[in-house]
């Protein structure tokens, strides 16, 4: 019941995010906003429903009763870290290049609409499970 409730709450949150992405105005011209920073980003992860869903899925799939909890958590953390770091590097490089391509409001609007649609489509496997 908890996993199902979290799945639907997470999906609702993702639909709301897709709506916000699809209807986002272009960024204001002029100064940049203050960035979140390292500790702000770490703190944000406690509020991140995607991260909670991933953790629940990993724990329910790869943790077993009767085995040492610390070693199981360490194994999952090492695998997550090993997968996340190369992916983050690729995303950072793509984001840097994409930012230069999306300077026009029309291109940015089309990109936001496509990203919102892909976010909605990505929910289908989770909700149809």
Protein backbone atom coordinates (compact mmCIF):
# COMPACT_ATOMS: atom_id res chain seq x y z
CA UNK A 1 0.00 0.00 0.00
CA UNK A 2 2.80 2.47 0.83
CA UNK A 3 4.63 1.80 -2.43
CA UNK A 4 1.42 2.16 -4.45
CA UNK A 5 0.52 5.42 -2.69
CA UNK A 6 4.04 6.77 -3.23
CA UNK A 7 3.90 5.72 -6.87
CA UNK A 8 0.68 7.66 -7.47
CA UNK A 9 1.80 10.68 -5.45
CA UNK A 10 5.09 10.70 -7.34
CA UNK A 11 3.24 10.43 -10.65
CA UNK A 12 0.97 13.33 -9.70
CA UNK A 13 4.04 15.39 -8.82
CA UNK A 14 5.64 14.53 -12.17
CA UNK A 15 2.49 15.53 -14.07
CA UNK A 16 2.52 18.86 -12.21
CA UNK A 17 6.21 19.31 -13.12
CA UNK A 18 5.41 18.52 -16.76
CA UNK A 19 2.71 21.19 -16.72
CA UNK A 20 5.13 23.72 -15.19
CA UNK A 21 7.75 22.86 -17.84
CA UNK A 22 5.25 23.11 -20.72
CA UNK A 23 3.92 26.49 -19.57
CA UNK A 24 7.21 28.01 -18.37
CA UNK A 25 7.90 31.50 -19.70
CA UNK A 26 11.31 32.24 -21.21
CA UNK A 27 13.88 33.33 -18.63
CA UNK A 28 13.98 37.04 -17.91
CA UNK A 29 16.67 38.98 -19.69
CA UNK A 30 19.40 40.47 -17.54
CA UNK A 31 20.93 39.11 -14.38
CA UNK A 32 21.02 35.47 -13.44
CA UNK A 33 19.31 34.09 -10.35
CA UNK A 34 21.41 32.77 -7.50
CA UNK A 35 22.22 29.10 -8.04
CA UNK A 36 21.21 26.46 -5.53
CA UNK A 37 24.78 25.48 -4.63
CA UNK A 38 26.12 22.14 -3.41
CA UNK A 39 24.50 22.06 0.03
CA UNK A 40 21.23 23.41 -1.32
CA UNK A 41 21.18 20.63 -3.93
CA UNK A 42 21.97 18.01 -1.26
CA UNK A 43 19.13 19.37 0.88
CA UNK A 44 16.78 19.39 -2.10
CA UNK A 45 17.21 15.64 -2.52
CA UNK A 46 15.23 15.09 0.69
CA UNK A 47 12.31 16.81 -1.09
CA UNK A 48 12.77 14.98 -4.38
CA UNK A 49 9.95 12.45 -4.99
CA UNK A 50 11.87 10.88 -7.89
CA UNK A 51 14.75 10.07 -5.56
CA UNK A 52 12.37 8.55 -2.97
CA UNK A 53 10.73 6.37 -5.65
CA UNK A 54 14.13 5.16 -6.86
CA UNK A 55 15.23 4.39 -3.29
CA UNK A 56 12.03 2.49 -2.55
CA UNK A 57 12.37 0.48 -5.73
CA UNK A 58 16.01 -0.38 -5.06
CA UNK A 59 15.36 -1.28 -1.42
CA UNK A 60 12.38 -3.51 -2.23
CA UNK A 61 14.28 -5.26 -5.02
CA UNK A 62 17.85 -5.56 -3.74
CA UNK A 63 17.61 -5.72 0.08
CA UNK A 64 16.98 -9.00 1.84
CA UNK A 65 15.91 -9.73 5.44
CA UNK A 66 18.47 -11.47 7.59
CA UNK A 67 21.48 -10.01 5.80
CA UNK A 68 23.65 -7.20 7.25
CA UNK A 69 21.86 -3.91 6.56
CA UNK A 70 25.02 -1.80 6.32
CA UNK A 71 26.58 -3.96 3.62
CA UNK A 72 23.36 -3.99 1.59
CA UNK A 73 23.08 -0.20 1.77
CA UNK A 74 26.74 0.21 0.88
CA UNK A 75 26.37 -2.08 -2.15
CA UNK A 76 23.35 -0.14 -3.42
CA UNK A 77 25.08 3.21 -2.80
CA UNK A 78 28.21 2.14 -4.70
CA UNK A 79 26.15 0.93 -7.68
CA UNK A 80 24.09 4.14 -7.70
CA UNK A 81 27.24 6.28 -7.50
CA UNK A 82 28.97 4.29 -10.24
CA UNK A 83 25.96 4.76 -12.53
CA UNK A 84 25.21 8.36 -11.59
CA UNK A 85 28.61 9.97 -12.09
CA UNK A 86 29.10 9.14 -15.79
CA UNK A 87 25.45 10.02 -16.48
CA UNK A 88 25.76 13.36 -14.70
CA UNK A 89 28.84 14.22 -16.74
CA UNK A 90 27.01 13.48 -20.00
CA UNK A 91 23.95 15.49 -18.89
CA UNK A 92 26.15 18.44 -17.88
CA UNK A 93 27.84 18.45 -21.29
CA UNK A 94 24.52 18.15 -23.12
CA UNK A 95 22.99 20.90 -20.98
CA UNK A 96 25.89 23.22 -21.68
CA UNK A 97 25.56 22.74 -25.44
CA UNK A 98 21.77 22.84 -25.45
CA UNK A 99 21.71 26.14 -23.58
CA UNK A 100 23.43 27.81 -26.53
CA UNK A 101 20.88 26.37 -28.98
CA UNK A 102 17.82 27.47 -26.99
CA UNK A 103 18.43 31.19 -26.84
CA UNK A 104 15.43 31.96 -29.05
CA UNK A 105 12.01 31.92 -27.30
CA UNK A 106 10.46 29.78 -30.06
CA UNK A 107 13.09 27.07 -29.80
CA UNK A 108 12.90 27.13 -26.02
CA UNK A 109 9.10 26.80 -26.12
CA UNK A 110 9.26 23.81 -28.50
CA UNK A 111 11.95 22.19 -26.34
CA UNK A 112 9.89 22.69 -23.16
CA UNK A 113 6.80 21.18 -24.79
CA UNK A 114 8.79 18.15 -25.99
CA UNK A 115 10.37 17.65 -22.55
CA UNK A 116 6.98 17.87 -20.82
CA UNK A 117 5.52 15.30 -23.23
CA UNK A 118 8.46 12.95 -22.69
CA UNK A 119 8.09 13.30 -18.92
CA UNK A 120 4.43 12.25 -19.15
CA UNK A 121 5.29 9.32 -21.43
CA UNK A 122 8.03 8.20 -19.02
CA UNK A 123 5.38 7.70 -16.33
CA UNK A 124 3.55 5.01 -18.29
CA UNK A 125 5.72 2.03 -17.24
CA UNK A 126 5.45 3.04 -13.59
CA UNK A 127 1.69 3.48 -13.66
CA UNK A 128 0.93 0.40 -15.77
CA UNK A 129 2.95 -1.92 -13.51
